[in-house]
Amino acid sequence: MIHDQNRNIVLLYNTETYTIVDANNLILPSISGEEKYYQELWNCFYHTIGIKERKNSHLRMQFMPKKYWQDLVEKL
């Protein structure tokens, strides 16, 4: 599933066909415990391998604009 927030549409794909639907009546499920576990696991991995002395926020912004940071799991 891909949600285009600007156009308020959703692309649904089931490995064979895709459908584009209006997202006005879209109800997203809450994040499951398993998903939260994997997000915490990713955060732990991300912060463990990161080298504090080599952190380069300017370069990071070039590869991932700040407007998308809200959607990242790792808290930058």
N, C-alpha and C. Protein backbone atom coordinates (compact mmCIF):
# COMPACT_ATOMS: atom_id res chain seq x y z
N MET A 1 0.84 -1.16 0.00
CA MET A 1 0.00 0.00 0.00
C MET A 1 0.89 1.23 0.00
N ILE A 2 0.59 2.17 -0.88
CA ILE A 2 1.28 3.45 -0.93
C ILE A 2 0.23 4.54 -0.79
N HIS A 3 0.44 5.43 0.18
CA HIS A 3 -0.52 6.49 0.44
C HIS A 3 0.07 7.82 -0.01
N ASP A 4 -0.55 8.46 -0.98
CA ASP A 4 -0.15 9.78 -1.45
C ASP A 4 -0.95 10.81 -0.67
N GLN A 5 -0.31 11.42 0.33
CA GLN A 5 -1.01 12.33 1.22
C GLN A 5 -1.40 13.63 0.51
N ASN A 6 -0.60 14.07 -0.45
CA ASN A 6 -0.91 15.33 -1.14
C ASN A 6 -2.17 15.20 -2.00
N ARG A 7 -2.31 14.08 -2.69
CA ARG A 7 -3.47 13.87 -3.55
C ARG A 7 -4.60 13.11 -2.86
N ASN A 8 -4.31 12.61 -1.66
CA ASN A 8 -5.27 11.86 -0.85
C ASN A 8 -5.81 10.63 -1.59
N ILE A 9 -4.88 9.88 -2.20
CA ILE A 9 -5.23 8.62 -2.86
C ILE A 9 -4.31 7.51 -2.35
N VAL A 10 -4.76 6.29 -2.53
CA VAL A 10 -4.01 5.12 -2.07
C VAL A 10 -3.88 4.13 -3.22
N LEU A 11 -2.67 3.60 -3.39
CA LEU A 11 -2.45 2.53 -4.36
C LEU A 11 -2.36 1.22 -3.58
N LEU A 12 -3.22 0.28 -3.90
CA LEU A 12 -3.23 -1.04 -3.27
C LEU A 12 -2.72 -2.06 -4.27
N TYR A 13 -1.79 -2.91 -3.84
CA TYR A 13 -1.19 -3.90 -4.74
C TYR A 13 -1.17 -5.24 -4.03
N ASN A 14 -1.62 -6.29 -4.72
CA ASN A 14 -1.68 -7.62 -4.10
C ASN A 14 -0.86 -8.65 -4.86
N THR A 15 0.29 -8.29 -5.40
CA THR A 15 1.23 -9.11 -6.17
C THR A 15 0.73 -9.51 -7.55
N GLU A 16 -0.52 -9.22 -7.89
CA GLU A 16 -1.03 -9.53 -9.22
C GLU A 16 -1.62 -8.29 -9.89
N THR A 17 -2.43 -7.56 -9.17
CA THR A 17 -3.07 -6.37 -9.72
C THR A 17 -2.94 -5.22 -8.74
N TYR A 18 -3.15 -4.03 -9.26
CA TYR A 18 -3.16 -2.87 -8.39
C TYR A 18 -4.45 -2.08 -8.59
N THR A 19 -4.80 -1.34 -7.55
CA THR A 19 -6.01 -0.52 -7.57
C THR A 19 -5.69 0.81 -6.93
N ILE A 20 -6.17 1.89 -7.54
CA ILE A 20 -6.02 3.22 -6.96
C ILE A 20 -7.38 3.64 -6.43
N VAL A 21 -7.41 3.98 -5.14
CA VAL A 21 -8.68 4.34 -4.50
C VAL A 21 -8.54 5.68 -3.77
N ASP A 22 -9.67 6.31 -3.55
CA ASP A 22 -9.73 7.56 -2.81
C ASP A 22 -9.48 7.26 -1.33
N ALA A 23 -8.73 8.10 -0.65
CA ALA A 23 -8.37 7.84 0.74
C ALA A 23 -9.24 8.59 1.74
N ASN A 24 -10.35 9.15 1.31
CA ASN A 24 -11.21 9.90 2.24
C ASN A 24 -11.76 9.02 3.34
N ASN A 25 -12.12 7.80 3.03
CA ASN A 25 -12.69 6.89 4.02
C ASN A 25 -11.67 5.87 4.52
N LEU A 26 -10.41 6.19 4.37
CA LEU A 26 -9.34 5.27 4.76
C LEU A 26 -9.18 5.26 6.28
N ILE A 27 -9.25 4.07 6.85
CA ILE A 27 -9.02 3.89 8.28
C ILE A 27 -7.81 2.98 8.43
N LEU A 28 -6.71 3.55 8.88
CA LEU A 28 -5.49 2.77 9.03
C LEU A 28 -5.49 2.07 10.38
N PRO A 29 -5.06 0.81 10.41
CA PRO A 29 -4.99 0.11 11.69
C PRO A 29 -3.87 0.69 12.55
N SER A 30 -4.00 0.54 13.85
CA SER A 30 -2.95 1.01 14.74
C SER A 30 -1.73 0.10 14.60
N ILE A 31 -0.60 0.60 15.03
CA ILE A 31 0.64 -0.16 14.91
C ILE A 31 0.60 -1.32 15.90
N SER A 32 0.87 -2.51 15.40
CA SER A 32 0.81 -3.71 16.24
C SER A 32 2.03 -3.77 17.16
N GLY A 33 1.96 -4.61 18.14
CA GLY A 33 3.08 -4.82 19.05
C GLY A 33 4.31 -5.33 18.32
N GLU A 34 4.08 -6.19 17.34
CA GLU A 34 5.19 -6.73 16.57
C GLU A 34 5.87 -5.62 15.76
N GLU A 35 5.08 -4.73 15.17
CA GLU A 35 5.64 -3.61 14.40
C GLU A 35 6.45 -2.70 15.32
N LYS A 36 5.93 -2.41 16.51
CA LYS A 36 6.66 -1.58 17.47
C LYS A 36 7.98 -2.24 17.86
N TYR A 37 7.96 -3.56 18.02
CA TYR A 37 9.17 -4.29 18.36
C TYR A 37 10.22 -4.12 17.26
N TYR A 38 9.82 -4.26 16.00
CA TYR A 38 10.76 -4.12 14.90
C TYR A 38 11.24 -2.68 14.75
N GLN A 39 10.39 -1.71 15.06
CA GLN A 39 10.84 -0.32 15.03
C GLN A 39 11.89 -0.06 16.10
N GLU A 40 11.68 -0.58 17.30
CA GLU A 40 12.66 -0.44 18.37
C GLU A 40 13.95 -1.17 18.02
N LEU A 41 13.83 -2.33 17.41
CA LEU A 41 15.01 -3.09 16.99
C LEU A 41 15.81 -2.29 15.96
N TRP A 42 15.11 -1.68 14.99
CA TRP A 42 15.79 -0.86 13.98
C TRP A 42 16.46 0.35 14.63
N ASN A 43 15.78 1.00 15.58
CA ASN A 43 16.37 2.14 16.28
C ASN A 43 17.65 1.74 17.00
N CYS A 44 17.61 0.63 17.68
CA CYS A 44 18.79 0.13 18.39
C CYS A 44 19.94 -0.11 17.42
N PHE A 45 19.65 -0.78 16.33
CA PHE A 45 20.67 -1.04 15.30
C PHE A 45 21.22 0.25 14.72
N TYR A 46 20.32 1.17 14.37
CA TYR A 46 20.71 2.44 13.74
C TYR A 46 21.64 3.24 14.64
N HIS A 47 21.29 3.34 15.92
CA HIS A 47 22.10 4.14 16.84
C HIS A 47 23.36 3.41 17.27
N THR A 48 23.38 2.09 17.21
CA THR A 48 24.57 1.34 17.58
C THR A 48 25.66 1.45 16.52
N ILE A 49 25.27 1.39 15.25
CA ILE A 49 26.29 1.44 14.19
C ILE A 49 26.72 2.86 13.85
N GLY A 50 25.94 3.86 14.29
CA GLY A 50 26.27 5.25 13.98
C GLY A 50 27.50 5.70 14.75
N ILE A 51 28.39 6.42 14.07
CA ILE A 51 29.59 6.97 14.70
C ILE A 51 29.34 8.45 14.95
N LYS A 52 29.30 8.83 16.24
CA LYS A 52 28.95 10.19 16.61
C LYS A 52 29.86 11.22 15.95
N GLU A 53 31.14 10.93 15.86
CA GLU A 53 32.10 11.87 15.29
C GLU A 53 31.90 12.06 13.78
N ARG A 54 31.26 11.12 13.12
CA ARG A 54 31.08 11.22 11.67
C ARG A 54 29.68 11.68 11.28
N LYS A 55 28.88 12.09 12.24
CA LYS A 55 27.52 12.56 11.96
C LYS A 55 27.60 13.83 11.11
N ASN A 56 26.87 13.83 10.00
CA ASN A 56 26.89 14.96 9.07
C ASN A 56 25.44 15.28 8.68
N SER A 57 24.81 16.16 9.45
CA SER A 57 23.40 16.47 9.23
C SER A 57 23.17 17.15 7.88
N HIS A 58 24.12 17.97 7.45
CA HIS A 58 23.96 18.66 6.16
C HIS A 58 23.91 17.64 5.02
N LEU A 59 24.79 16.66 5.03
CA LEU A 59 24.81 15.63 4.00
C LEU A 59 23.54 14.78 4.08
N ARG A 60 23.09 14.50 5.28
CA ARG A 60 21.87 13.72 5.47
C ARG A 60 20.66 14.44 4.85
N MET A 61 20.62 15.76 5.01
CA MET A 61 19.51 16.53 4.44
C MET A 61 19.55 16.51 2.92
N GLN A 62 20.74 16.37 2.33
CA GLN A 62 20.83 16.31 0.87
C GLN A 62 20.23 15.01 0.34
N PHE A 63 20.40 13.93 1.09
CA PHE A 63 19.89 12.64 0.64
C PHE A 63 18.42 12.41 1.04
N MET A 64 18.02 12.98 2.17
CA MET A 64 16.64 12.83 2.64
C MET A 64 16.19 14.19 3.15
N PRO A 65 15.37 14.90 2.38
CA PRO A 65 14.93 16.23 2.80
C PRO A 65 14.20 16.19 4.15
N LYS A 66 14.32 17.29 4.87
CA LYS A 66 13.74 17.38 6.22
C LYS A 66 12.24 17.11 6.24
N LYS A 67 11.54 17.45 5.16
CA LYS A 67 10.09 17.27 5.18
C LYS A 67 9.69 15.80 5.30
N TYR A 68 10.60 14.88 5.00
CA TYR A 68 10.30 13.44 5.11
C TYR A 68 10.76 12.86 6.45
N TRP A 69 11.49 13.62 7.26
CA TRP A 69 12.03 13.10 8.51
C TRP A 69 10.93 12.66 9.47
N GLN A 70 9.75 13.28 9.39
CA GLN A 70 8.66 12.91 10.30
C GLN A 70 8.21 11.47 10.09
N ASP A 71 8.47 10.91 8.91
CA ASP A 71 8.03 9.56 8.59
C ASP A 71 9.10 8.50 8.90
N LEU A 72 10.29 8.94 9.31
CA LEU A 72 11.36 7.99 9.60
C LEU A 72 11.19 7.39 10.99
N VAL A 73 11.53 6.14 11.10
CA VAL A 73 11.42 5.44 12.39
C VAL A 73 12.54 5.89 13.32
N GLU A 74 13.76 6.03 12.79
CA GLU A 74 14.87 6.45 13.63
C GLU A 74 14.72 7.95 13.93
N LYS A 75 14.73 8.28 15.18
CA LYS A 75 14.52 9.67 15.58
C LYS A 75 15.81 10.44 15.34
N LEU A 76 15.78 11.28 14.31
CA LEU A 76 17.01 12.00 13.95
C LEU A 76 17.17 13.14 14.85
